[in-house]
Amino acid sequence: MLSACSSSQPAPPNGGPQVVRDRLAAADDVPYSAALRAITQSGHEQLQFMEGRVNLNAPFTGRTTDTTEQYTEDVVITRQKVYRRATGTHGPWQEFPASAAKGGIPTDRLPQYVRLMLDHSASVHQDSEPMRVSARLTPKDIESVDRAVGRNLRPATTIDADAWIDNKGRVVRVRQKIHFASNPDIAATITFTDFKNAMPVNAPAGS
């Protein structure tokens, strides 16, 4: 009797992965802004800390402060260029192509990134909210979503990736542990909070 009862309750199709896909599919596609906080470290050593506000669900733009052991810089990211200048100074801005803002996480293609994880046998942790998705990827895998980011990661062997998706289908956090053949691992975490309307971002005055 118990066996018959249990067999009459089919499991939901694809379980957790389908729940994540449904959240992503139902997400609002209107551009919005979010507070950003990003930390990159090797072991207990912090390599880089970035905080500011950026636009998502659109070409990645925003204003941040970038701190390493060597410098602290103000950064303005527009669709065409990235502008950097030492914090507290009033000299000329250094200009770089927009692709220079890309690191090891495809921040302007986060839904596609999560779908890539699901396509690579991701584990879905349904006991957490926001819901966490975990997968092991390679630089070549990530290159299929964002060529520049995948190329930035080419020295790595594998990337253990986690992403958290809230009940509105927004990717609110990404964590990567990047493995190398002979160098120490690097851990990178980016978190988005305080969601608001998209903001205008223009080239800084005097650039």
N, C-alpha and C. Protein backbone atom coordinates (compact mmCIF):
# COMPACT_ATOMS: atom_id res chain seq x y z
N MET A 1 0.82 -1.21 0.00
CA MET A 1 0.00 0.00 0.00
C MET A 1 0.85 1.25 0.00
N LEU A 2 1.89 1.29 0.83
CA LEU A 2 2.75 2.46 0.89
C LEU A 2 3.47 2.66 -0.43
N SER A 3 3.91 1.56 -1.03
CA SER A 3 4.61 1.64 -2.30
C SER A 3 3.69 2.20 -3.38
N ALA A 4 2.45 1.76 -3.39
CA ALA A 4 1.51 2.23 -4.40
C ALA A 4 1.23 3.71 -4.24
N CYS A 5 1.13 4.17 -2.99
CA CYS A 5 0.83 5.58 -2.76
C CYS A 5 1.98 6.46 -3.22
N SER A 6 3.23 6.05 -2.93
CA SER A 6 4.36 6.88 -3.30
C SER A 6 4.55 6.96 -4.80
N SER A 7 4.23 5.88 -5.52
CA SER A 7 4.42 5.88 -6.97
C SER A 7 3.39 6.73 -7.69
N SER A 8 2.30 7.09 -7.00
CA SER A 8 1.27 7.89 -7.66
C SER A 8 1.54 9.38 -7.57
N GLN A 9 2.69 9.77 -7.00
CA GLN A 9 3.05 11.18 -6.87
C GLN A 9 4.32 11.45 -7.65
N PRO A 10 4.20 11.76 -8.94
CA PRO A 10 5.40 11.96 -9.76
C PRO A 10 6.18 13.18 -9.29
N ALA A 11 7.50 13.08 -9.41
CA ALA A 11 8.36 14.21 -9.04
C ALA A 11 8.19 15.33 -10.04
N PRO A 12 8.34 16.57 -9.62
CA PRO A 12 8.24 17.69 -10.56
C PRO A 12 9.32 17.59 -11.63
N PRO A 13 9.00 17.93 -12.88
CA PRO A 13 9.96 17.78 -13.97
C PRO A 13 11.21 18.61 -13.72
N ASN A 14 12.39 17.96 -13.78
CA ASN A 14 13.69 18.61 -13.64
C ASN A 14 13.91 19.21 -12.25
N GLY A 15 12.93 19.12 -11.36
CA GLY A 15 13.14 19.59 -10.00
C GLY A 15 13.64 21.01 -9.92
N GLY A 16 14.71 21.19 -9.14
CA GLY A 16 15.26 22.51 -8.89
C GLY A 16 15.67 23.29 -10.13
N PRO A 17 16.36 22.65 -11.10
CA PRO A 17 16.74 23.40 -12.29
C PRO A 17 15.56 24.06 -12.99
N GLN A 18 14.42 23.38 -13.05
CA GLN A 18 13.26 23.98 -13.71
C GLN A 18 12.73 25.18 -12.93
N VAL A 19 12.81 25.11 -11.60
CA VAL A 19 12.38 26.25 -10.79
C VAL A 19 13.24 27.47 -11.10
N VAL A 20 14.54 27.25 -11.23
CA VAL A 20 15.45 28.36 -11.56
C VAL A 20 15.15 28.90 -12.95
N ARG A 21 14.95 28.00 -13.91
CA ARG A 21 14.63 28.46 -15.27
C ARG A 21 13.33 29.27 -15.28
N ASP A 22 12.35 28.83 -14.50
CA ASP A 22 11.08 29.55 -14.43
C ASP A 22 11.28 30.95 -13.83
N ARG A 23 12.11 31.04 -12.80
CA ARG A 23 12.38 32.36 -12.22
C ARG A 23 13.04 33.29 -13.23
N LEU A 24 14.03 32.78 -13.93
CA LEU A 24 14.72 33.61 -14.92
C LEU A 24 13.77 34.04 -16.03
N ALA A 25 12.91 33.12 -16.47
CA ALA A 25 11.98 33.43 -17.56
C ALA A 25 10.95 34.47 -17.14
N ALA A 26 10.57 34.47 -15.85
CA ALA A 26 9.54 35.40 -15.37
C ALA A 26 10.11 36.75 -14.96
N ALA A 27 11.43 36.90 -14.95
CA ALA A 27 12.05 38.14 -14.48
C ALA A 27 11.71 39.31 -15.40
N ASP A 28 11.54 40.48 -14.82
CA ASP A 28 11.28 41.71 -15.57
C ASP A 28 12.53 42.04 -16.39
N ASP A 29 12.34 42.37 -17.67
CA ASP A 29 13.50 42.67 -18.51
C ASP A 29 13.80 44.16 -18.59
N VAL A 30 13.17 44.97 -17.73
CA VAL A 30 13.44 46.41 -17.71
C VAL A 30 14.80 46.66 -17.06
N PRO A 31 15.65 47.53 -17.65
CA PRO A 31 16.93 47.84 -17.00
C PRO A 31 16.73 48.44 -15.62
N TYR A 32 17.64 48.16 -14.72
CA TYR A 32 17.57 48.69 -13.35
C TYR A 32 18.99 48.90 -12.84
N SER A 33 19.10 49.62 -11.73
CA SER A 33 20.41 49.82 -11.11
C SER A 33 20.47 49.08 -9.79
N ALA A 34 21.68 48.84 -9.32
CA ALA A 34 21.89 48.15 -8.05
C ALA A 34 23.19 48.60 -7.43
N ALA A 35 23.23 48.57 -6.11
CA ALA A 35 24.49 48.78 -5.41
C ALA A 35 25.35 47.54 -5.60
N LEU A 36 26.62 47.75 -5.90
CA LEU A 36 27.55 46.67 -6.17
C LEU A 36 28.63 46.64 -5.09
N ARG A 37 28.98 45.44 -4.69
CA ARG A 37 30.11 45.21 -3.77
C ARG A 37 30.84 43.98 -4.27
N ALA A 38 32.11 44.11 -4.60
CA ALA A 38 32.87 43.00 -5.17
C ALA A 38 34.21 42.87 -4.47
N ILE A 39 34.54 41.64 -4.11
CA ILE A 39 35.79 41.35 -3.42
C ILE A 39 36.51 40.21 -4.15
N THR A 40 37.80 40.42 -4.41
CA THR A 40 38.65 39.38 -5.00
C THR A 40 39.79 39.12 -4.02
N GLN A 41 40.02 37.85 -3.71
CA GLN A 41 41.07 37.54 -2.75
C GLN A 41 41.74 36.22 -3.08
N SER A 42 42.95 36.06 -2.55
CA SER A 42 43.70 34.82 -2.66
C SER A 42 44.03 34.39 -1.25
N GLY A 43 43.44 33.28 -0.81
CA GLY A 43 43.56 32.91 0.58
C GLY A 43 42.93 33.99 1.45
N HIS A 44 43.69 34.50 2.43
CA HIS A 44 43.19 35.57 3.28
C HIS A 44 43.64 36.95 2.79
N GLU A 45 44.34 37.00 1.66
CA GLU A 45 44.84 38.27 1.13
C GLU A 45 43.80 38.88 0.18
N GLN A 46 43.37 40.09 0.47
CA GLN A 46 42.44 40.78 -0.41
C GLN A 46 43.21 41.43 -1.55
N LEU A 47 42.86 41.07 -2.77
CA LEU A 47 43.52 41.60 -3.95
C LEU A 47 42.84 42.85 -4.48
N GLN A 48 41.52 42.90 -4.39
CA GLN A 48 40.77 44.02 -4.95
C GLN A 48 39.43 44.14 -4.24
N PHE A 49 39.02 45.38 -4.02
CA PHE A 49 37.70 45.65 -3.46
C PHE A 49 37.05 46.74 -4.29
N MET A 50 35.83 46.51 -4.72
CA MET A 50 35.11 47.48 -5.55
C MET A 50 33.71 47.68 -4.99
N GLU A 51 33.29 48.92 -4.93
CA GLU A 51 31.91 49.20 -4.53
C GLU A 51 31.41 50.41 -5.30
N GLY A 52 30.10 50.48 -5.48
CA GLY A 52 29.51 51.59 -6.22
C GLY A 52 28.09 51.24 -6.64
N ARG A 53 27.67 51.81 -7.75
CA ARG A 53 26.33 51.56 -8.27
C ARG A 53 26.42 51.36 -9.78
N VAL A 54 25.72 50.34 -10.27
CA VAL A 54 25.82 49.98 -11.68
C VAL A 54 24.44 49.72 -12.25
N ASN A 55 24.35 49.77 -13.57
CA ASN A 55 23.13 49.42 -14.28
C ASN A 55 23.22 47.97 -14.77
N LEU A 56 22.12 47.24 -14.60
CA LEU A 56 22.04 45.84 -15.03
C LEU A 56 20.83 45.66 -15.95
N ASN A 57 20.74 44.47 -16.52
CA ASN A 57 19.67 44.20 -17.50
C ASN A 57 19.83 45.10 -18.71
N ALA A 58 21.05 45.53 -18.96
CA ALA A 58 21.37 46.47 -20.03
C ALA A 58 22.89 46.44 -20.18
N PRO A 59 23.44 47.15 -21.16
CA PRO A 59 24.90 47.27 -21.19
C PRO A 59 25.43 47.73 -19.84
N PHE A 60 26.47 47.09 -19.35
CA PHE A 60 26.98 47.33 -18.00
C PHE A 60 27.62 48.72 -17.92
N THR A 61 27.02 49.60 -17.13
CA THR A 61 27.54 50.94 -16.91
C THR A 61 27.43 51.26 -15.42
N GLY A 62 28.15 52.28 -14.97
CA GLY A 62 28.04 52.63 -13.57
C GLY A 62 29.20 53.46 -13.07
N ARG A 63 29.20 53.70 -11.76
CA ARG A 63 30.28 54.45 -11.10
C ARG A 63 30.70 53.66 -9.87
N THR A 64 31.99 53.41 -9.74
CA THR A 64 32.50 52.61 -8.64
C THR A 64 33.80 53.21 -8.10
N THR A 65 34.21 52.70 -6.96
CA THR A 65 35.54 52.97 -6.41
C THR A 65 36.27 51.64 -6.33
N ASP A 66 37.48 51.60 -6.88
CA ASP A 66 38.25 50.37 -7.01
C ASP A 66 39.51 50.50 -6.14
N THR A 67 39.68 49.58 -5.19
CA THR A 67 40.80 49.66 -4.26
C THR A 67 41.63 48.39 -4.31
N THR A 68 42.95 48.56 -4.45
CA THR A 68 43.91 47.46 -4.33
C THR A 68 44.99 47.92 -3.35
N GLU A 69 45.99 47.08 -3.15
CA GLU A 69 47.09 47.46 -2.25
C GLU A 69 47.87 48.65 -2.81
N GLN A 70 47.87 48.80 -4.15
CA GLN A 70 48.65 49.85 -4.79
C GLN A 70 47.90 51.16 -4.99
N TYR A 71 46.58 51.13 -5.10
CA TYR A 71 45.85 52.35 -5.46
C TYR A 71 44.40 52.29 -5.03
N THR A 72 43.76 53.48 -5.02
CA THR A 72 42.31 53.61 -4.93
C THR A 72 41.89 54.55 -6.04
N GLU A 73 41.00 54.09 -6.91
CA GLU A 73 40.61 54.87 -8.08
C GLU A 73 39.10 55.02 -8.17
N ASP A 74 38.68 56.17 -8.67
CA ASP A 74 37.29 56.36 -9.08
C ASP A 74 37.16 55.83 -10.50
N VAL A 75 36.07 55.13 -10.75
CA VAL A 75 35.87 54.50 -12.06
C VAL A 75 34.48 54.88 -12.58
N VAL A 76 34.43 55.31 -13.84
CA VAL A 76 33.17 55.59 -14.53
C VAL A 76 33.11 54.67 -15.74
N ILE A 77 32.06 53.85 -15.80
CA ILE A 77 31.92 52.88 -16.88
C ILE A 77 30.77 53.32 -17.77
N THR A 78 31.06 53.69 -19.02
CA THR A 78 30.02 54.03 -19.99
C THR A 78 29.94 52.91 -21.02
N ARG A 79 29.01 53.04 -21.94
CA ARG A 79 28.87 51.99 -22.96
C ARG A 79 30.10 51.90 -23.85
N GLN A 80 30.76 53.02 -24.08
CA GLN A 80 31.88 53.04 -25.01
C GLN A 80 33.24 52.91 -24.32
N LYS A 81 33.38 53.53 -23.13
CA LYS A 81 34.70 53.60 -22.51
C LYS A 81 34.62 53.45 -21.00
N VAL A 82 35.77 53.13 -20.41
CA VAL A 82 35.95 53.13 -18.96
C VAL A 82 36.93 54.24 -18.61
N TYR A 83 36.56 55.06 -17.62
CA TYR A 83 37.41 56.18 -17.19
C TYR A 83 37.87 55.91 -15.77
N ARG A 84 39.18 56.10 -15.52
CA ARG A 84 39.74 55.84 -14.20
C ARG A 84 40.62 57.02 -13.78
N ARG A 85 40.54 57.37 -12.49
CA ARG A 85 41.38 58.45 -11.96
C ARG A 85 41.59 58.20 -10.46
N ALA A 86 42.78 58.46 -9.98
CA ALA A 86 43.07 58.26 -8.57
C ALA A 86 42.09 59.06 -7.72
N THR A 87 41.52 58.42 -6.72
CA THR A 87 40.55 59.07 -5.85
C THR A 87 41.18 60.27 -5.14
N GLY A 88 40.46 61.39 -5.13
CA GLY A 88 40.94 62.58 -4.45
C GLY A 88 41.81 63.48 -5.30
N THR A 89 42.05 63.09 -6.55
CA THR A 89 42.85 63.93 -7.44
C THR A 89 41.95 64.62 -8.45
N HIS A 90 42.52 65.58 -9.17
CA HIS A 90 41.74 66.34 -10.15
C HIS A 90 42.43 66.39 -11.51
N GLY A 91 43.32 65.46 -11.75
CA GLY A 91 44.01 65.42 -13.03
C GLY A 91 43.16 64.78 -14.11
N PRO A 92 43.76 64.52 -15.26
CA PRO A 92 43.01 63.92 -16.37
C PRO A 92 42.61 62.49 -16.07
N TRP A 93 41.50 62.08 -16.66
CA TRP A 93 41.03 60.70 -16.54
C TRP A 93 41.76 59.83 -17.55
N GLN A 94 42.10 58.63 -17.16
CA GLN A 94 42.63 57.65 -18.10
C GLN A 94 41.45 56.95 -18.78
N GLU A 95 41.57 56.75 -20.08
CA GLU A 95 40.48 56.16 -20.85
C GLU A 95 40.88 54.76 -21.34
N PHE A 96 39.91 53.85 -21.28
CA PHE A 96 40.13 52.48 -21.74
C PHE A 96 38.89 52.04 -22.51
N PRO A 97 39.00 51.03 -23.38
CA PRO A 97 37.81 50.49 -24.04
C PRO A 97 36.84 49.92 -23.00
N ALA A 98 35.56 49.90 -23.30
CA ALA A 98 34.56 49.39 -22.37
C ALA A 98 34.84 47.97 -21.93
N SER A 99 35.46 47.18 -22.81
CA SER A 99 35.77 45.79 -22.46
C SER A 99 36.74 45.69 -21.29
N ALA A 100 37.44 46.78 -20.98
CA ALA A 100 38.39 46.77 -19.86
C ALA A 100 37.67 46.63 -18.53
N ALA A 101 36.37 46.90 -18.49
CA ALA A 101 35.61 46.76 -17.24
C ALA A 101 35.26 45.31 -16.95
N LYS A 102 35.45 44.44 -17.91
CA LYS A 102 35.10 43.04 -17.72
C LYS A 102 36.20 42.32 -16.96
N GLY A 103 35.83 41.59 -15.95
CA GLY A 103 36.78 40.80 -15.19
C GLY A 103 36.55 39.32 -15.45
N GLY A 104 36.27 38.57 -14.38
CA GLY A 104 36.06 37.14 -14.53
C GLY A 104 34.61 36.72 -14.37
N ILE A 105 33.70 37.70 -14.21
CA ILE A 105 32.27 37.40 -14.07
C ILE A 105 31.50 38.19 -15.13
N PRO A 106 30.67 37.54 -15.94
CA PRO A 106 29.94 38.25 -17.00
C PRO A 106 28.77 39.05 -16.43
N THR A 107 29.07 40.20 -15.84
CA THR A 107 28.07 40.96 -15.08
C THR A 107 26.92 41.48 -15.93
N ASP A 108 27.13 41.68 -17.22
CA ASP A 108 26.02 42.16 -18.05
C ASP A 108 25.27 41.01 -18.73
N ARG A 109 25.60 39.76 -18.38
CA ARG A 109 24.92 38.59 -18.96
C ARG A 109 24.68 37.54 -17.87
N LEU A 110 24.24 38.01 -16.73
CA LEU A 110 24.08 37.11 -15.58
C LEU A 110 23.02 36.03 -15.79
N PRO A 111 21.84 36.35 -16.36
CA PRO A 111 20.87 35.26 -16.61
C PRO A 111 21.43 34.18 -17.54
N GLN A 112 22.15 34.61 -18.58
CA GLN A 112 22.75 33.64 -19.50
C GLN A 112 23.81 32.80 -18.77
N TYR A 113 24.51 33.44 -17.84
CA TYR A 113 25.52 32.74 -17.05
C TYR A 113 24.89 31.64 -16.20
N VAL A 114 23.77 31.95 -15.57
CA VAL A 114 23.09 30.94 -14.75
C VAL A 114 22.57 29.81 -15.64
N ARG A 115 22.02 30.15 -16.80
CA ARG A 115 21.55 29.09 -17.71
C ARG A 115 22.71 28.20 -18.14
N LEU A 116 23.89 28.80 -18.36
CA LEU A 116 25.07 28.01 -18.69
C LEU A 116 25.37 27.03 -17.55
N MET A 117 25.28 27.49 -16.31
CA MET A 117 25.51 26.62 -15.16
C MET A 117 24.51 25.46 -15.16
N LEU A 118 23.25 25.76 -15.44
CA LEU A 118 22.23 24.71 -15.46
C LEU A 118 22.51 23.69 -16.56
N ASP A 119 23.07 24.16 -17.67
CA ASP A 119 23.40 23.25 -18.77
C ASP A 119 24.62 22.38 -18.47
N HIS A 120 25.33 22.70 -17.38
CA HIS A 120 26.52 21.94 -17.01
C HIS A 120 26.30 21.23 -15.66
N SER A 121 25.16 20.57 -15.56
CA SER A 121 24.84 19.71 -14.42
C SER A 121 24.92 20.45 -13.09
N ALA A 122 24.35 21.64 -13.04
CA ALA A 122 24.38 22.43 -11.82
C ALA A 122 23.58 21.76 -10.71
N SER A 123 24.02 21.98 -9.49
CA SER A 123 23.25 21.61 -8.31
C SER A 123 22.40 22.81 -7.90
N VAL A 124 21.15 22.57 -7.56
CA VAL A 124 20.25 23.63 -7.13
C VAL A 124 19.89 23.39 -5.67
N HIS A 125 20.19 24.38 -4.83
CA HIS A 125 19.96 24.27 -3.40
C HIS A 125 18.63 24.96 -3.07
N GLN A 126 17.55 24.20 -3.05
CA GLN A 126 16.23 24.77 -2.86
C GLN A 126 15.90 25.08 -1.41
N ASP A 127 16.83 24.74 -0.51
CA ASP A 127 16.58 25.04 0.90
C ASP A 127 17.04 26.44 1.28
N SER A 128 17.52 27.21 0.29
CA SER A 128 17.98 28.56 0.56
C SER A 128 17.15 29.57 -0.22
N GLU A 129 17.09 30.77 0.28
CA GLU A 129 16.41 31.85 -0.43
C GLU A 129 17.20 33.15 -0.17
N PRO A 130 17.76 33.77 -1.20
CA PRO A 130 17.67 33.41 -2.61
C PRO A 130 18.19 31.99 -2.89
N MET A 131 17.72 31.43 -3.97
CA MET A 131 18.07 30.06 -4.33
C MET A 131 19.48 30.03 -4.92
N ARG A 132 20.28 29.05 -4.46
CA ARG A 132 21.67 28.97 -4.91
C ARG A 132 21.83 27.87 -5.95
N VAL A 133 22.59 28.20 -6.99
CA VAL A 133 22.93 27.28 -8.06
C VAL A 133 24.45 27.12 -8.07
N SER A 134 24.95 25.89 -8.18
CA SER A 134 26.39 25.63 -8.16
C SER A 134 26.77 24.76 -9.34
N ALA A 135 27.92 25.07 -9.96
CA ALA A 135 28.39 24.26 -11.08
C ALA A 135 29.89 24.46 -11.24
N ARG A 136 30.53 23.48 -11.85
CA ARG A 136 31.94 23.60 -12.22
C ARG A 136 32.03 23.88 -13.71
N LEU A 137 32.74 24.97 -14.05
CA LEU A 137 32.85 25.41 -15.44
C LEU A 137 34.32 25.52 -15.83
N THR A 138 34.55 25.70 -17.12
CA THR A 138 35.88 25.98 -17.64
C THR A 138 35.86 27.35 -18.31
N PRO A 139 37.04 27.96 -18.51
CA PRO A 139 37.06 29.24 -19.25
C PRO A 139 36.37 29.15 -20.61
N LYS A 140 36.54 28.02 -21.29
CA LYS A 140 35.90 27.86 -22.60
C LYS A 140 34.39 27.86 -22.48
N ASP A 141 33.85 27.24 -21.42
CA ASP A 141 32.41 27.29 -21.19
C ASP A 141 31.94 28.74 -21.07
N ILE A 142 32.62 29.51 -20.24
CA ILE A 142 32.21 30.89 -19.98
C ILE A 142 32.39 31.75 -21.23
N GLU A 143 33.35 31.41 -22.05
CA GLU A 143 33.56 32.15 -23.29
C GLU A 143 32.35 32.06 -24.21
N SER A 144 31.56 30.99 -24.09
CA SER A 144 30.36 30.86 -24.91
C SER A 144 29.28 31.87 -24.52
N VAL A 145 29.37 32.41 -23.30
CA VAL A 145 28.44 33.43 -22.83
C VAL A 145 29.01 34.83 -23.05
N ASP A 146 30.30 35.00 -22.72
CA ASP A 146 30.95 36.30 -22.87
C ASP A 146 32.40 36.05 -23.27
N ARG A 147 32.72 36.37 -24.51
CA ARG A 147 34.05 36.04 -25.04
C ARG A 147 35.15 36.72 -24.26
N ALA A 148 34.96 38.01 -23.92
CA ALA A 148 36.00 38.75 -23.21
C ALA A 148 36.26 38.17 -21.83
N VAL A 149 35.19 37.84 -21.11
CA VAL A 149 35.35 37.26 -19.77
C VAL A 149 36.02 35.89 -19.85
N GLY A 150 35.60 35.06 -20.80
CA GLY A 150 36.23 33.76 -20.97
C GLY A 150 37.71 33.87 -21.25
N ARG A 151 38.08 34.85 -22.07
CA ARG A 151 39.50 35.06 -22.37
C ARG A 151 40.26 35.52 -21.13
N ASN A 152 39.63 36.37 -20.32
CA ASN A 152 40.28 36.81 -19.09
C ASN A 152 40.58 35.63 -18.16
N LEU A 153 39.76 34.60 -18.24
CA LEU A 153 39.90 33.44 -17.36
C LEU A 153 40.76 32.33 -17.95
N ARG A 154 41.30 32.53 -19.13
CA ARG A 154 42.02 31.45 -19.81
C ARG A 154 43.17 30.84 -19.01
N PRO A 155 43.89 31.60 -18.16
CA PRO A 155 44.95 30.95 -17.37
C PRO A 155 44.41 29.92 -16.38
N ALA A 156 43.11 29.95 -16.09
CA ALA A 156 42.53 29.02 -15.11
C ALA A 156 42.30 27.65 -15.72
N THR A 157 42.23 26.64 -14.85
CA THR A 157 41.87 25.29 -15.30
C THR A 157 40.37 25.10 -15.19
N THR A 158 39.81 25.34 -14.00
CA THR A 158 38.36 25.22 -13.78
C THR A 158 37.89 26.34 -12.87
N ILE A 159 36.58 26.57 -12.88
CA ILE A 159 35.96 27.59 -12.04
C ILE A 159 34.78 26.95 -11.33
N ASP A 160 34.81 26.94 -10.00
CA ASP A 160 33.65 26.52 -9.22
C ASP A 160 32.78 27.74 -8.99
N ALA A 161 31.59 27.74 -9.59
CA ALA A 161 30.73 28.92 -9.60
C ALA A 161 29.47 28.69 -8.78
N ASP A 162 29.06 29.71 -8.05
CA ASP A 162 27.79 29.73 -7.34
C ASP A 162 27.06 31.01 -7.72
N ALA A 163 25.76 30.92 -7.90
CA ALA A 163 24.94 32.10 -8.17
C ALA A 163 23.66 32.01 -7.35
N TRP A 164 23.22 33.13 -6.84
CA TRP A 164 22.00 33.20 -6.04
C TRP A 164 20.95 33.98 -6.81
N ILE A 165 19.75 33.40 -6.97
CA ILE A 165 18.66 34.01 -7.74
C ILE A 165 17.49 34.25 -6.80
N ASP A 166 17.01 35.51 -6.73
CA ASP A 166 15.91 35.81 -5.81
C ASP A 166 14.56 35.45 -6.44
N ASN A 167 13.47 35.66 -5.69
CA ASN A 167 12.16 35.23 -6.18
C ASN A 167 11.61 36.12 -7.29
N LYS A 168 12.34 37.19 -7.64
CA LYS A 168 11.97 38.01 -8.79
C LYS A 168 12.83 37.68 -10.02
N GLY A 169 13.64 36.66 -9.91
CA GLY A 169 14.46 36.24 -11.03
C GLY A 169 15.73 37.04 -11.22
N ARG A 170 16.10 37.86 -10.22
CA ARG A 170 17.33 38.64 -10.31
C ARG A 170 18.50 37.83 -9.74
N VAL A 171 19.64 37.91 -10.41
CA VAL A 171 20.86 37.31 -9.88
C VAL A 171 21.45 38.31 -8.90
N VAL A 172 21.41 37.97 -7.61
CA VAL A 172 21.78 38.94 -6.58
C VAL A 172 23.19 38.72 -6.04
N ARG A 173 23.78 37.58 -6.38
CA ARG A 173 25.15 37.32 -5.90
C ARG A 173 25.79 36.26 -6.78
N VAL A 174 27.08 36.42 -7.05
CA VAL A 174 27.86 35.42 -7.77
C VAL A 174 29.18 35.23 -7.03
N ARG A 175 29.57 33.98 -6.86
CA ARG A 175 30.86 33.67 -6.25
C ARG A 175 31.60 32.67 -7.13
N GLN A 176 32.86 32.95 -7.38
CA GLN A 176 33.67 32.04 -8.19
C GLN A 176 34.95 31.70 -7.43
N LYS A 177 35.28 30.43 -7.42
CA LYS A 177 36.59 29.99 -6.94
C LYS A 177 37.35 29.50 -8.17
N ILE A 178 38.40 30.23 -8.51
CA ILE A 178 39.11 30.02 -9.77
C ILE A 178 40.37 29.21 -9.47
N HIS A 179 40.49 28.07 -10.14
CA HIS A 179 41.62 27.16 -9.91
C HIS A 179 42.64 27.26 -11.04
N PHE A 180 43.92 27.16 -10.66
CA PHE A 180 45.02 27.23 -11.62
C PHE A 180 45.89 25.98 -11.47
N ALA A 181 46.65 25.69 -12.51
CA ALA A 181 47.49 24.50 -12.48
C ALA A 181 48.60 24.61 -11.45
N SER A 182 49.20 25.80 -11.31
CA SER A 182 50.35 25.93 -10.41
C SER A 182 50.25 27.11 -9.46
N ASN A 183 49.32 28.04 -9.67
CA ASN A 183 49.17 29.21 -8.80
C ASN A 183 48.06 28.99 -7.78
N PRO A 184 48.07 29.77 -6.69
CA PRO A 184 46.99 29.63 -5.68
C PRO A 184 45.63 29.99 -6.27
N ASP A 185 44.59 29.41 -5.69
CA ASP A 185 43.22 29.74 -6.12
C ASP A 185 42.93 31.21 -5.87
N ILE A 186 42.02 31.75 -6.66
CA ILE A 186 41.50 33.10 -6.45
C ILE A 186 39.99 33.00 -6.27
N ALA A 187 39.49 33.68 -5.25
CA ALA A 187 38.04 33.71 -4.99
C ALA A 187 37.51 35.10 -5.28
N ALA A 188 36.43 35.17 -6.02
CA ALA A 188 35.81 36.44 -6.38
C ALA A 188 34.32 36.37 -6.06
N THR A 189 33.83 37.39 -5.37
CA THR A 189 32.40 37.45 -5.00
C THR A 189 31.87 38.82 -5.35
N ILE A 190 30.72 38.84 -6.02
CA ILE A 190 30.06 40.10 -6.36
C ILE A 190 28.62 40.02 -5.86
N THR A 191 28.17 41.09 -5.19
CA THR A 191 26.84 41.11 -4.59
C THR A 191 26.10 42.36 -5.04
N PHE A 192 24.80 42.21 -5.35
CA PHE A 192 23.96 43.32 -5.77
C PHE A 192 22.82 43.50 -4.78
N THR A 193 22.60 44.75 -4.34
CA THR A 193 21.53 45.07 -3.40
C THR A 193 20.92 46.41 -3.78
N ASP A 194 19.90 46.84 -3.03
CA ASP A 194 19.30 48.17 -3.17
C ASP A 194 18.91 48.47 -4.62
N PHE A 195 17.99 47.68 -5.14
CA PHE A 195 17.58 47.79 -6.55
C PHE A 195 16.69 49.01 -6.76
N LYS A 196 17.03 49.79 -7.79
CA LYS A 196 16.27 51.00 -8.11
C LYS A 196 16.20 51.14 -9.63
N ASN A 197 15.59 52.25 -10.09
CA ASN A 197 15.53 52.51 -11.52
C ASN A 197 16.94 52.68 -12.09
N ALA A 198 17.06 52.42 -13.38
CA ALA A 198 18.35 52.64 -14.05
C ALA A 198 18.74 54.11 -13.95
N MET A 199 20.03 54.36 -13.92
CA MET A 199 20.54 55.72 -13.77
C MET A 199 21.35 56.12 -15.00
N PRO A 200 21.38 57.41 -15.34
CA PRO A 200 22.21 57.85 -16.46
C PRO A 200 23.68 57.85 -16.06
N VAL A 201 24.52 57.40 -16.96
CA VAL A 201 25.98 57.41 -16.72
C VAL A 201 26.64 58.02 -17.95
N ASN A 202 27.29 59.17 -17.75
CA ASN A 202 27.97 59.86 -18.84
C ASN A 202 29.47 59.94 -18.57
N ALA A 203 30.22 60.23 -19.61
CA ALA A 203 31.66 60.42 -19.44
C ALA A 203 31.91 61.55 -18.45
N PRO A 204 32.90 61.43 -17.57
CA PRO A 204 33.14 62.48 -16.58
C PRO A 204 33.58 63.78 -17.23
N ALA A 205 33.24 64.88 -16.61
CA ALA A 205 33.62 66.20 -17.11
C ALA A 205 35.15 66.29 -17.21
N GLY A 206 35.62 66.84 -18.29
CA GLY A 206 37.06 67.01 -18.47
C GLY A 206 37.75 65.80 -19.04
N SER A 207 36.99 64.77 -19.37
CA SER A 207 37.64 63.57 -19.92
C SER A 207 37.88 63.74 -21.41
